[in-house]
Protein backbone atom coordinates (compact mmCIF):
# COMPACT_ATOMS: atom_id res chain seq x y z
CA MET A 1 37.52 40.96 -23.08
CA GLY A 2 34.04 40.19 -23.82
CA GLU A 3 32.75 43.19 -22.78
CA LYS A 4 35.69 45.20 -24.83
CA LEU A 5 34.68 43.20 -28.09
CA LYS A 6 31.26 44.17 -27.82
CA ASP A 7 32.28 47.80 -27.25
CA ASN A 8 33.95 47.64 -30.70
CA THR A 9 30.62 46.79 -32.31
CA PRO A 10 30.30 50.34 -33.59
CA LEU A 11 33.68 49.95 -35.05
CA LEU A 12 33.23 46.77 -36.81
CA ALA A 13 29.88 48.61 -38.28
CA GLU A 14 32.07 51.65 -39.79
CA VAL A 15 34.66 49.11 -40.84
CA LEU A 16 31.80 47.33 -43.00
CA ARG A 17 30.56 50.23 -44.35
CA LEU A 18 33.75 51.75 -45.23
CA GLN A 19 34.83 48.34 -46.95
CA ALA A 20 31.45 48.53 -48.91
CA GLU A 21 32.33 52.08 -50.03
CA LEU A 22 35.97 51.08 -50.83
CA SER A 23 34.46 48.63 -52.84
CA GLU A 24 32.13 50.97 -54.97
CA LEU A 25 34.60 53.79 -55.42
CA LYS A 26 37.31 51.09 -56.89
CA ALA A 27 34.59 49.88 -59.26
CA ALA A 28 33.76 53.50 -60.17
CA ASN A 29 37.42 54.33 -60.58
CA ALA A 30 38.32 51.20 -62.98
CA GLN A 31 35.28 52.07 -65.07
CA MET A 32 36.61 55.62 -65.55
CA ALA A 33 40.06 54.31 -66.10
CA ARG A 34 38.53 51.95 -68.99
CA GLU A 35 36.83 54.91 -70.71
CA LEU A 36 39.56 57.19 -70.30
CA ARG A 37 42.27 54.44 -72.05
CA ILE A 38 39.30 54.37 -75.01
CA LEU A 39 39.33 58.08 -75.31
CA LYS A 40 42.97 58.43 -75.42
CA ALA A 41 43.46 55.58 -77.88
CA SER A 42 40.68 57.13 -80.13
CA ARG A 43 42.44 60.50 -80.12
CA ALA A 44 45.64 59.17 -80.99
CA ARG A 45 44.35 57.33 -84.01
CA ARG A 46 42.77 60.44 -85.38
CA LYS A 47 45.66 62.58 -84.90
CA ALA A 48 47.77 59.69 -86.83
CA ASP A 49 45.59 59.63 -89.68
CA ARG A 50 45.52 63.43 -90.02
CA ALA A 51 49.27 63.42 -90.01
CA ALA A 52 49.83 60.98 -92.52
CA SER A 53 47.14 62.40 -94.63
CA ASP A 54 48.85 65.96 -94.71
CA GLY A 55 52.18 64.49 -95.13
CA LEU A 56 51.48 62.77 -98.33
CA ARG A 57 50.12 65.97 -99.95
CA GLU A 58 52.77 68.06 -99.26
CA ALA A 59 55.55 66.13 -100.01
CA PRO A 60 55.96 67.16 -103.70
CA ALA A 61 55.85 70.77 -102.96
CA ILE A 62 58.77 70.23 -100.82
CA MET A 63 60.81 68.49 -102.95
CA GLU A 64 60.48 71.34 -105.83
CA ALA A 65 61.21 73.98 -103.33
CA ALA A 66 64.59 72.07 -102.32
CA GLY A 67 65.58 72.50 -106.21
CA GLY A 68 66.60 69.71 -108.40
CA GLY A 69 63.63 67.52 -108.17
CA GLU A 70 65.93 64.92 -106.67
CA SER A 71 64.40 62.30 -104.75
CA MET A 72 64.24 62.49 -100.79
CA PRO A 73 63.86 59.97 -98.67
CA THR A 74 60.69 58.56 -97.46
CA LEU A 75 59.69 60.22 -94.00
CA SER A 76 57.37 58.54 -91.57
CA PRO A 77 54.37 60.79 -91.26
CA ARG A 78 54.81 60.71 -87.46
CA ARG A 79 58.07 62.33 -87.61
CA LEU A 80 56.94 65.15 -90.27
CA THR A 81 55.85 68.41 -89.00
CA LEU A 82 54.88 71.64 -91.05
CA VAL A 83 55.83 75.17 -89.67
CA GLY A 84 54.56 77.87 -92.33
CA ALA A 85 56.24 77.19 -95.49
CA ASP A 86 59.36 75.66 -93.91
CA ALA A 87 59.88 72.03 -93.22
CA ALA A 88 61.37 70.45 -90.42
CA PHE A 89 62.63 66.86 -90.06
CA ASP A 90 63.42 64.63 -87.25
CA ARG A 91 61.32 66.51 -84.82
CA LYS A 92 58.84 64.55 -82.49
CA PRO A 93 55.29 65.90 -82.75
CA LYS A 94 54.51 68.42 -80.13
CA GLN A 95 52.48 66.98 -77.73
CA PRO A 96 48.80 68.22 -77.34
CA ASN A 97 48.19 70.37 -74.17
CA ARG A 98 46.28 68.30 -71.43
CA LYS A 99 43.83 69.90 -69.02
CA LYS A 100 44.67 69.18 -65.38
CA PRO A 101 41.53 67.38 -63.95
CA SER A 102 39.46 69.93 -61.99
CA GLU A 103 39.26 69.64 -58.06
CA ARG A 104 35.55 69.58 -58.56
CA SER A 105 35.33 67.21 -61.10
CA PRO A 106 33.59 63.62 -60.05
CA ARG A 107 37.05 61.94 -60.68
CA HIS A 108 39.04 63.87 -58.45
CA LYS A 109 36.18 63.66 -55.75
CA ALA A 110 36.02 59.70 -56.23
CA HIS A 111 40.19 59.39 -55.86
CA HIS A 112 40.14 61.89 -52.74
CA ALA A 113 37.06 59.71 -51.20
CA LEU A 114 39.08 56.78 -51.93
CA ARG A 115 42.05 57.96 -50.08
CA GLU A 116 40.24 59.08 -47.09
CA SER A 117 38.36 55.78 -46.77
CA GLU A 118 41.51 53.88 -46.90
CA GLU A 119 43.31 56.06 -44.72
CA ARG A 120 40.30 55.68 -41.92
CA TYR A 121 40.00 52.04 -42.51
CA ARG A 122 44.01 51.50 -41.84
CA LEU A 123 43.78 53.38 -38.75
CA LEU A 124 40.73 51.92 -37.39
CA THR A 125 42.05 48.28 -38.05
CA GLU A 126 45.69 48.95 -36.85
CA HIS A 127 45.04 50.60 -33.66
CA SER A 128 42.23 48.36 -32.86
CA MET A 129 42.31 46.71 -29.29
CA VAL A 130 41.16 43.49 -30.80
CA GLY A 131 41.85 41.32 -33.82
CA THR A 132 40.84 42.31 -37.00
CA PHE A 133 40.54 39.69 -39.93
CA VAL A 134 39.15 39.34 -43.50
CA HIS A 135 38.78 35.94 -44.82
CA GLN A 136 37.69 34.50 -48.08
CA ASP A 137 37.36 31.05 -49.65
CA GLY A 138 38.21 29.80 -45.86
CA ARG A 139 41.55 31.76 -46.20
CA ALA A 140 43.00 34.93 -44.42
CA VAL A 141 43.42 37.99 -46.81
CA TYR A 142 43.75 40.26 -44.33
CA ALA A 143 44.94 40.28 -40.46
CA ASN A 144 45.79 43.30 -38.15
CA GLU A 145 48.82 43.56 -35.69
CA MET A 146 46.36 42.83 -33.02
CA LEU A 147 45.48 39.15 -34.29
CA ALA A 148 48.93 38.39 -35.01
CA SER A 149 49.79 38.96 -31.59
CA ILE A 150 46.89 36.84 -30.51
CA LEU A 151 47.96 34.30 -32.99
CA GLY A 152 51.54 34.39 -31.90
CA LEU A 153 52.48 34.79 -35.51
CA PRO A 154 53.68 37.86 -37.93
CA ALA A 155 50.79 39.11 -39.86
CA LYS A 156 52.33 38.51 -43.19
CA GLU A 157 52.43 34.94 -42.16
CA ILE A 158 48.95 34.58 -41.36
CA LEU A 159 47.84 35.98 -44.98
CA GLY A 160 46.90 32.89 -47.05
CA ARG A 161 46.78 30.61 -44.41
CA PRO A 162 43.27 28.50 -43.95
CA PHE A 163 41.72 30.30 -40.94
CA LEU A 164 40.46 27.00 -39.63
CA GLU A 165 44.48 25.84 -39.27
CA PHE A 166 44.49 28.27 -36.11
CA VAL A 167 41.26 26.58 -34.69
CA HIS A 168 41.52 23.88 -32.12
CA PRO A 169 40.57 20.42 -33.35
CA GLU A 170 37.75 20.14 -31.35
CA ASP A 171 36.03 23.24 -32.60
CA ARG A 172 36.67 23.26 -36.37
CA SER A 173 33.74 21.39 -37.40
CA SER A 174 31.33 24.06 -35.50
CA VAL A 175 33.62 27.19 -36.68
CA GLU A 176 33.71 25.63 -39.98
CA ALA A 177 29.90 25.48 -40.20
CA TYR A 178 29.39 28.64 -39.19
CA PHE A 179 31.82 29.86 -42.11
CA ALA A 180 29.60 27.87 -44.55
CA ALA A 181 26.19 29.25 -43.26
CA ARG A 182 27.63 32.67 -43.36
CA TYR A 183 28.67 32.48 -47.09
CA SER A 184 25.61 30.56 -48.01
CA GLY A 185 23.54 33.59 -46.56
CA GLY A 186 22.09 30.92 -43.89
CA GLY A 187 21.54 31.64 -40.09
CA ALA A 188 24.76 31.89 -38.77
CA PRO A 189 25.44 33.54 -35.54
CA SER A 190 27.30 36.49 -35.40
CA GLU A 191 29.08 36.03 -31.88
CA TYR A 192 30.39 32.91 -30.99
CA ASP A 193 33.62 31.62 -28.92
CA PHE A 194 35.92 28.88 -29.77
CA ARG A 195 39.75 27.78 -28.96
CA ILE A 196 42.62 28.49 -30.92
CA ILE A 197 46.32 27.07 -30.96
CA ARG A 198 48.78 29.96 -31.12
CA ALA A 199 52.13 29.45 -32.75
CA ASP A 200 53.96 28.27 -29.60
CA GLY A 201 51.33 25.51 -28.74
CA GLN A 202 49.33 27.24 -26.28
CA THR A 203 45.59 26.84 -26.58
CA ARG A 204 43.44 30.27 -25.94
CA TRP A 205 39.90 31.14 -25.81
CA VAL A 206 38.74 33.57 -28.17
CA LEU A 207 35.37 35.44 -28.68
CA ALA A 208 34.55 36.43 -32.57
CA LEU A 209 32.13 38.83 -33.64
CA VAL A 210 31.97 38.43 -37.48
CA GLY A 211 29.68 39.46 -40.57
CA PRO A 212 29.40 39.01 -44.12
CA THR A 213 31.47 41.75 -46.55
CA GLU A 214 33.06 41.54 -49.96
CA PHE A 215 36.47 41.82 -50.87
CA SER A 216 37.59 42.16 -54.66
CA GLY A 217 34.15 41.87 -55.85
CA ARG A 218 33.41 38.78 -54.32
CA PRO A 219 32.01 37.59 -50.71
CA ALA A 220 33.83 37.57 -47.72
CA GLY A 221 33.75 37.68 -44.11
CA ILE A 222 34.94 40.30 -41.74
CA GLY A 223 35.42 40.09 -38.21
CA ASN A 224 37.02 40.93 -34.53
CA ILE A 225 38.52 38.61 -32.32
CA ALA A 226 39.48 39.14 -28.46
CA ASP A 227 41.23 36.84 -26.34
CA ILE A 228 38.79 35.82 -23.39
CA THR A 229 41.00 32.81 -21.92
CA GLU A 230 41.30 34.94 -18.69
CA ARG A 231 37.43 35.36 -18.45
CA LYS A 232 36.92 31.54 -19.32
CA GLU A 233 39.12 30.73 -16.34
CA VAL A 234 37.31 33.12 -13.97
CA GLU A 235 33.85 31.61 -15.13
CA ALA A 236 35.23 27.88 -14.82
CA ALA A 237 36.12 28.71 -11.36
CA LEU A 238 32.88 30.57 -10.66
CA ARG A 239 31.16 27.03 -11.77
CA GLU A 240 32.98 25.10 -9.52
CA SER A 241 32.46 27.40 -6.65
CA ARG A 242 28.62 27.16 -7.53
CA ALA A 243 28.89 23.63 -7.29
CA LYS A 244 30.60 23.12 -4.49
CA TYR A 245 28.12 25.92 -2.71
CA LYS A 246 25.33 23.82 -3.93
CA GLU A 247 26.76 20.50 -2.93
CA LEU A 248 27.19 21.80 0.53
CA ALA A 249 23.95 22.99 0.93
CA GLU A 250 22.09 19.81 -0.25
CA LEU A 251 24.41 18.18 2.17
CA LEU A 252 23.28 20.30 5.27
CA PRO A 253 20.26 18.92 7.32
CA HIS A 254 19.16 22.58 7.87
CA ILE A 255 16.78 24.65 5.20
CA VAL A 256 18.99 26.86 3.21
CA TYR A 257 17.59 29.12 0.86
CA GLU A 258 17.97 31.91 -1.53
CA ILE A 259 15.25 35.01 -2.29
CA ASP A 260 15.61 37.73 -5.05
CA LEU A 261 14.49 41.20 -4.54
CA ASN A 262 10.92 40.57 -5.86
CA GLY A 263 10.19 37.91 -2.89
CA ASN A 264 10.62 35.09 -5.01
CA PHE A 265 12.61 31.81 -4.16
CA VAL A 266 15.49 31.28 -6.21
CA PHE A 267 16.76 28.37 -4.23
CA VAL A 268 15.95 25.86 -1.86
CA ASN A 269 18.30 22.71 -0.88
CA ARG A 270 16.79 19.15 -0.59
CA SER A 271 16.55 19.43 3.03
CA GLY A 272 14.26 22.61 2.90
CA LEU A 273 11.71 21.10 0.50
CA GLU A 274 11.82 17.54 2.32
CA ARG A 275 11.08 19.48 5.70
CA GLY A 276 8.05 21.26 4.35
CA GLY A 277 6.73 18.31 2.15
CA TYR A 278 7.38 20.66 -1.03
CA THR A 279 8.63 19.88 -4.52
CA ILE A 280 10.66 21.58 -6.81
CA ASP A 281 7.34 22.00 -8.67
CA ASP A 282 5.78 23.95 -6.06
CA ILE A 283 8.46 26.34 -6.41
CA GLU A 284 8.64 26.91 -9.90
CA ARG A 285 4.92 27.67 -9.52
CA SER A 286 5.52 30.75 -7.63
CA LEU A 287 5.45 29.36 -4.31
CA LYS A 288 6.27 32.55 -2.06
CA PRO A 289 8.41 32.75 1.04
CA LEU A 290 5.59 34.30 2.98
CA ASP A 291 3.34 31.43 1.52
CA VAL A 292 5.47 28.96 4.04
CA VAL A 293 5.31 31.06 7.01
CA SER A 294 2.85 31.17 9.73
CA PRO A 295 0.42 34.01 9.54
CA GLU A 296 1.34 35.46 12.91
CA HIS A 297 4.79 36.25 12.00
CA ARG A 298 4.67 37.19 8.44
CA ASP A 299 4.89 40.96 9.85
CA MET A 300 7.83 40.12 11.79
CA LEU A 301 9.34 38.68 8.74
CA LEU A 302 8.67 41.45 6.79
CA GLU A 303 10.43 43.80 8.90
CA TYR A 304 13.35 41.48 9.19
CA GLN A 305 13.65 41.30 5.18
CA LYS A 306 13.60 44.88 4.97
CA LYS A 307 16.69 45.58 7.10
CA ILE A 308 18.35 42.99 5.02
CA ILE A 309 17.41 44.49 1.74
CA LYS A 310 19.15 47.78 3.21
CA GLY A 311 22.39 45.84 3.65
CA GLU A 312 21.92 45.10 7.18
CA ARG A 313 22.79 41.92 9.18
CA PRO A 314 20.00 41.85 11.94
CA GLY A 315 20.89 38.31 13.22
CA GLU A 316 18.67 35.41 14.00
CA ILE A 317 14.71 35.47 14.35
CA GLU A 318 12.33 32.76 15.37
CA PHE A 319 9.03 31.96 13.64
CA LEU A 320 6.84 28.92 12.43
CA VAL A 321 7.31 27.37 9.04
CA ARG A 322 4.10 26.11 7.71
CA LYS A 323 4.20 22.56 6.14
CA LYS A 324 2.29 21.56 2.94
CA ASP A 325 0.37 19.31 5.11
CA GLY A 326 -0.63 22.17 7.76
CA GLY A 327 1.64 21.42 10.52
CA THR A 328 4.58 23.60 11.71
CA ILE A 329 8.30 23.42 12.49
CA PRO A 330 9.59 26.30 14.73
CA VAL A 331 13.24 27.50 13.29
CA VAL A 332 16.07 29.83 13.82
CA ASN A 333 16.68 31.71 10.80
CA TYR A 334 20.11 33.63 10.07
CA GLY A 335 19.57 35.92 7.22
CA VAL A 336 22.47 38.05 5.21
CA PRO A 337 22.23 40.07 2.20
CA ILE A 338 23.27 38.80 -1.05
CA ILE A 339 25.84 41.55 -2.52
CA HIS A 340 26.99 42.02 -5.78
CA GLU A 341 28.92 44.50 -7.44
CA GLY A 342 28.16 46.52 -4.49
CA LYS A 343 24.30 46.55 -4.79
CA VAL A 344 22.05 44.27 -2.64
CA VAL A 345 20.40 41.66 -5.11
CA GLY A 346 18.55 39.46 -2.68
CA THR A 347 18.62 37.36 0.74
CA ARG A 348 20.54 34.24 1.55
CA GLY A 349 19.82 32.62 4.89
CA VAL A 350 19.66 29.02 6.87
CA CYS A 351 16.66 28.27 8.85
CA VAL A 352 17.80 25.77 11.95
CA ASN A 353 14.77 23.48 13.10
CA ILE A 354 14.69 23.82 16.62
CA SER A 355 11.76 21.10 17.44
CA GLU A 356 13.67 18.94 19.12
CA LEU A 357 15.50 21.84 21.02
CA ARG A 358 12.02 22.93 22.13
CA GLN A 359 10.87 19.31 23.26
CA VAL A 360 13.93 19.27 25.16
CA GLU A 361 13.59 22.68 26.69
CA GLN A 362 9.83 21.81 27.55
CA GLU A 363 11.47 18.69 29.30
CA LEU A 364 14.01 20.40 31.16
CA ARG A 365 11.37 22.96 32.27
CA ALA A 366 9.27 20.28 33.62
CA ARG A 367 12.12 18.79 35.58
CA LEU A 368 13.27 22.13 36.99
CA LYS A 369 9.62 22.55 38.36
CA GLU A 370 10.02 19.23 39.84
CA LYS A 371 13.45 19.94 41.33
CA ASP A 372 11.92 23.44 42.48
CA VAL A 373 8.61 21.61 44.24
CA LEU A 374 11.15 19.11 45.89
CA LEU A 375 13.84 22.12 47.06
CA ARG A 376 10.83 24.12 48.58
CA GLU A 377 9.50 20.87 50.16
CA ILE A 378 12.91 20.26 51.73
CA HIS A 379 13.51 23.54 53.08
CA HIS A 380 9.90 23.67 54.35
CA ARG A 381 10.89 20.18 56.35
CA VAL A 382 13.98 21.55 57.64
CA ASN A 383 12.21 24.91 58.68
CA ASN A 384 9.34 22.55 60.48
CA ASN A 385 12.15 20.49 62.07
CA LEU A 386 14.28 23.58 63.54
CA GLN A 387 11.00 25.30 64.51
CA MET A 388 10.21 22.10 66.36
CA VAL A 389 13.44 22.12 68.27
CA CYS A 390 13.03 25.76 69.40
CA SER A 391 9.64 24.85 70.25
CA LEU A 392 11.34 21.93 72.45
CA LEU A 393 14.06 24.51 73.85
CA ARG A 394 11.32 26.74 75.10
CA LEU A 395 9.43 23.90 76.76
CA ARG A 396 12.61 22.64 78.52
CA SER A 397 13.43 26.36 79.70
CA ARG A 398 10.15 26.59 81.83
CA SER A 399 10.80 23.73 83.82
CA PHE A 400 14.00 25.32 85.23
CA ALA A 401 13.99 27.48 87.90
CA GLU A 402 17.71 28.40 87.64
CA LYS A 403 18.10 31.64 85.42
CA ALA A 404 21.28 30.70 84.15
CA TRP A 405 19.72 27.52 82.69
CA VAL A 406 16.72 29.69 81.39
CA GLU A 407 19.22 31.93 79.52
CA MET A 408 21.26 29.06 78.00
CA LEU A 409 18.32 27.54 76.58
CA ARG A 410 17.20 30.50 75.31
CA GLU A 411 20.70 31.33 73.52
CA MET A 412 20.31 28.18 71.86
CA GLU A 413 16.76 28.72 71.10
CA ASN A 414 17.82 31.83 69.46
CA ARG A 415 20.83 30.29 67.52
CA VAL A 416 18.47 27.54 66.00
CA MET A 417 15.90 30.16 65.19
CA ALA A 418 18.74 31.79 62.92
CA MET A 419 19.18 28.91 60.85
CA ALA A 420 15.20 28.21 60.43
CA MET A 421 14.26 31.37 59.27
CA VAL A 422 16.97 31.03 56.46
CA HIS A 423 15.05 27.85 54.98
CA GLU A 424 11.84 29.82 56.04
CA ARG A 425 12.74 32.59 53.46
CA LEU A 426 14.21 30.15 50.79
CA CYS A 427 10.28 28.60 51.10
CA SER A 428 9.00 31.81 50.32
CA THR A 429 11.22 33.45 47.47
CA LYS A 430 10.96 32.56 43.84
CA ASN A 431 14.70 31.76 43.50
CA LEU A 432 15.80 28.91 45.99
CA ALA A 433 19.37 29.24 45.41
CA VAL A 434 19.61 32.64 47.03
CA VAL A 435 18.19 34.49 50.17
CA ASP A 436 17.77 38.34 50.27
CA LEU A 437 19.21 39.34 53.49
CA LYS A 438 17.65 42.70 54.14
CA PRO A 439 14.18 41.22 54.59
CA TYR A 440 16.02 38.09 56.34
CA VAL A 441 18.20 40.24 58.88
CA GLU A 442 15.19 42.67 59.88
CA GLY A 443 13.02 39.78 60.47
CA LEU A 444 15.54 37.97 62.45
CA VAL A 445 16.59 41.36 64.60
CA ALA A 446 12.64 41.70 65.32
CA HIS A 447 12.55 38.20 66.59
CA LEU A 448 15.63 38.05 68.99
CA LEU A 449 14.50 41.54 70.60
CA GLY A 450 11.15 39.88 71.20
CA SER A 451 12.60 36.87 72.89
CA CYS A 452 15.27 38.58 74.98
CA CYS A 453 13.15 41.60 75.83
CA SER A 454 9.96 40.35 77.25
CA ASN A 455 9.22 43.06 79.76
CA GLY A 456 8.08 45.13 76.68
CA ARG A 457 10.93 47.92 76.55
CA LEU A 458 13.06 47.51 73.24
CA PRO A 459 16.42 49.18 72.57
CA GLU A 460 16.81 51.36 69.72
CA VAL A 461 17.79 49.47 66.61
CA ARG A 462 19.46 51.50 63.65
CA THR A 463 20.04 49.33 60.48
CA GLN A 464 21.83 50.28 57.20
CA ILE A 465 21.36 46.83 54.75
CA GLU A 466 21.76 47.04 51.37
CA GLU A 467 19.57 45.02 48.99
CA LEU A 468 22.10 41.57 49.02
CA SER A 469 21.54 38.33 47.59
CA VAL A 470 23.61 35.33 48.84
CA ALA A 471 23.73 31.46 48.96
CA MET A 472 22.25 29.54 51.90
CA GLU A 473 25.80 28.55 52.75
CA THR A 474 26.54 31.89 53.49
CA ALA A 475 23.40 33.28 54.87
CA ILE A 476 23.33 30.60 58.03
CA PRO A 477 26.63 31.38 59.40
CA LEU A 478 26.06 35.24 58.81
CA GLY A 479 22.73 34.65 60.55
CA ILE A 480 24.51 33.20 63.93
CA ILE A 481 26.98 35.98 64.06
CA ILE A 482 23.97 38.61 64.33
CA ALA A 483 22.01 36.44 66.41
CA GLU A 484 24.69 36.33 68.97
CA LEU A 485 25.84 40.24 69.01
CA VAL A 486 22.15 41.37 69.19
CA SER A 487 21.20 38.73 71.87
CA ALA A 488 24.11 39.79 73.89
CA ALA A 489 23.45 43.66 73.37
CA ALA A 490 19.37 42.65 74.06
CA LYS A 491 20.00 40.87 77.07
CA GLN A 492 22.70 43.67 78.59
CA PHE A 493 19.64 45.96 77.83
CA ALA A 494 17.13 43.87 79.71
CA GLY A 495 19.21 43.16 82.59
CA ASP A 496 20.78 46.52 83.57
CA GLY A 497 17.75 48.78 82.15
CA ALA A 498 20.35 51.35 80.82
CA SER A 499 19.59 52.93 77.46
CA CYS A 500 21.00 51.32 74.49
CA VAL A 501 21.38 52.24 70.65
CA MET A 502 22.18 49.40 68.36
CA LYS A 503 23.54 49.97 64.94
CA LEU A 504 23.46 47.26 62.56
CA GLY A 505 24.98 47.73 58.86
CA LEU A 506 25.68 45.20 55.99
CA ILE A 507 27.04 46.55 52.63
CA SER A 508 28.74 45.14 49.93
CA GLU A 509 32.22 46.56 49.23
CA ARG A 510 33.34 44.97 46.00
CA LYS A 511 32.51 41.88 43.95
CA GLY A 512 32.28 38.93 46.15
CA THR A 513 33.16 41.05 49.28
CA MET A 514 30.73 42.36 52.37
CA GLU A 515 31.00 44.16 55.66
CA LEU A 516 29.17 43.79 58.75
CA THR A 517 29.10 46.31 61.43
CA PHE A 518 27.75 46.31 64.75
CA GLY A 519 27.79 48.78 67.29
CA SER A 520 26.27 49.18 70.71
CA SER A 521 26.37 51.85 73.33
CA GLY A 522 26.38 49.84 76.09
CA SER A 523 29.01 47.53 77.93
CA THR A 524 30.93 44.77 76.23
CA LEU A 525 27.87 42.87 76.01
CA GLY A 526 29.44 40.11 78.02
CA LEU A 527 31.12 38.31 75.36
CA GLY A 528 34.50 38.36 77.03
CA ALA A 529 36.23 40.48 74.94
CA CYS A 530 38.98 40.82 76.85
CA ASN A 531 40.12 37.13 77.57
CA GLY A 532 37.88 35.43 74.36
CA SER A 533 36.83 32.60 76.67
CA SER A 534 32.80 33.17 76.44
CA PHE A 535 31.10 30.55 74.10
CA GLY A 536 29.42 33.40 72.09
CA LEU A 537 32.44 35.23 71.37
CA ARG A 538 34.04 31.65 70.07
CA LEU A 539 31.02 31.10 67.79
CA VAL A 540 31.22 34.40 65.93
CA ARG A 541 34.98 33.63 65.26
CA MET A 542 34.12 30.30 64.06
CA CYS A 543 31.63 31.35 61.78
CA ALA A 544 33.65 34.50 60.60
CA GLU A 545 36.36 32.16 59.70
CA GLN A 546 33.57 29.98 57.73
CA LEU A 547 32.72 32.83 55.90
CA HIS A 548 36.81 33.54 55.10
CA GLY A 549 36.50 36.98 57.06
CA ARG A 550 38.69 38.65 59.23
CA ILE A 551 37.06 40.41 62.64
CA GLU A 552 38.13 43.50 64.02
CA MET A 553 36.75 44.62 67.97
CA ASN A 554 36.85 47.76 69.95
CA PHE A 555 35.51 48.15 73.33
CA ASP A 556 36.84 51.48 74.50
CA GLN A 557 33.29 53.15 73.92
CA GLY A 558 30.71 50.35 74.15
CA THR A 559 30.97 47.65 71.67
CA ASN A 560 32.22 48.15 68.20
CA ILE A 561 32.95 45.03 65.65
CA ARG A 562 33.43 44.91 62.06
CA ILE A 563 33.80 41.64 59.90
CA ARG A 564 35.11 41.59 56.26
CA PHE A 565 34.13 38.44 54.82
CA LYS A 566 33.97 36.90 51.18
CA GLU A 567 30.59 35.19 50.15
CA ILE A 568 30.71 31.40 49.89
CA ALA A 569 30.64 29.87 46.52
CA ARG A 570 26.81 28.81 45.77
CA SER A 571 26.55 25.04 45.60
CA GLY A 572 26.81 23.66 42.07
CA MET A 573 27.36 26.89 40.65
CA GLU A 574 31.05 27.56 41.10
C-alpha cells in the first residue's frame, strides 16, 4: 500500500492544483456577482426615477382628455405606462431586454472552467484507491468513500469531527505536532505513518501523504491515507526473522559472513571476529574479504566468488584465513548466493575451522605410518621364518636316500613356499591389505616348476590371469591349491618325460566371485581322482571349502579342474 500511495503522488499534486484553481475561480465569480448586483440596482433606480418624473408631467393632460376635470385616483409611477396618446392603467412595466451572455465572455469561460474543475476534482477523489481528506482547524471538512471504508464510518459522519479522534492515543501527540507545524509553515514531514482506531475498535496502520492547501479562503490540509497494516505485519515478521538469524549466527562457533556485490563485508558474526582477531571497527574501515585470505589462495577464491555471483552453488572450498597478528587458520568454506526479487545481491557463507581436524589427520597419518611399518615388519619376519622352514625341509630331504621321502619333503616345502610368497608380496607392495594375484601366481608357478623339474626340461604353461587383488585370507588357500595342482602336473611331466601342456586361468565372474581353472594334457596327476584318497586332493578340497568354493573335476582327457569361490572378507573391513 505504501507504493500505491506513492504512485498517487501525481494525483495529489493535480488535486492541489485544481483546488487552488477552484478557489481563484470562486473568488472571481463572487467579485463578478457583486458588481452585477450593484449594476442592476443602479439601473433599477434610474428607471424608477425617470418613470416617476414622466408620470407627474403628463397627469393633468390625461385628466382633461378624459373630460370633465374630475379628479382621478393617484397612480403609482411604477403602475403607469404611456403608449402614444393613450393611457393604460394597471399594467406592469415592460421588462427590458436582457442580453444572453456571450459564450466567449470572461464570465462564461469562468463558469465553464469552474464546472470542469469541480468535475475533475470529484472524479479524482471519489474513484481514488486511497483515502482522500481535507481538514481545517483540526476537523475534517471533506472525506471520500475510500477514507470512510478505512475508518469504518459513513463519509457524512466523518465531516466536522476532530481528525485526531480517529488517531491512536499513543500517536496523537506526534500527529498533532505535524498538523501544527504545517499550519504555521514550519518543517513538517509530508509523509508519515501512524495508527488509527476504526469504528469497530480495530487498530490499523496507515500511511499519510499530506500537503498544505486553502479551503474557503483559509489555510487547510489535504492528503491521502492508505492502509499499510499488512505491510507493517510483514515488516515485523521480517524483523523478527532477521533477529533470529542474527542470534543464531552469533551463537555458532563458526565464521558466518555476508558480502555484497562490491566485495565488502555486510555482516560478520562475533565468532568470526574473535577467531581472526579483528573488531567491528576494522570492518567499518573497509576491511575487504580478500584482505583476510592467504595470498596463495586469493585467485582460487575469486573464481569461487564469480560462480556464486552467477547464481551457482559451487560447494565447499578450502583455504587459509589470515589473522590480524599474521597467523593463519585452515577453513572449509560453504558459500551460497543471496537472492532478492530474483536477482543475486551478494554472498552468504560459513567458514568451518578445521585446525583441529588437520591436527587429528596428521596424528592419524603418523599412526598409520607406524602401523604400516609394523605390518611390513611382521610380514617380513613371517616370510623369513617360512623361508627358514623351507630351507630346513630342503636340507632334510638331502639326508634321505629313499625317493618317496625326498618327494614328500619337497611337497611340504612347496606348500610352505606358497604361504611364504604371500607374505613376501605383502612386504613389497604399497597396500598391505591386499595381494596382487597376477604377479603372485606367476612367481609361484615359476618357483614350483624350478623345484619339481630339476633336469632342466620344463612343461609348457599357458596362463590367463586377470589383474585382481585379494586379501591375504584369500591368497593363502588359493596359493596352496595352485601349488598342489602345478606340483602334481610337474612331477608327472618329470617322471614319464611325455609332453605336457598346462593351462591356468583366474578370472572374476562377478563382484566377490572368482573362477580358477586348471588343465593338463597329461594323466590324472596322481591326485587319486577316482577314490579321492590322496593327501593332495584332500588338501585341495579343504582349501576350496575354506574359500566357500565349489570344485568340479574331469579326468576323461587329461585333467580339467574348475573351482568357483568367493573372496573371503578382509580382516577389519567387513
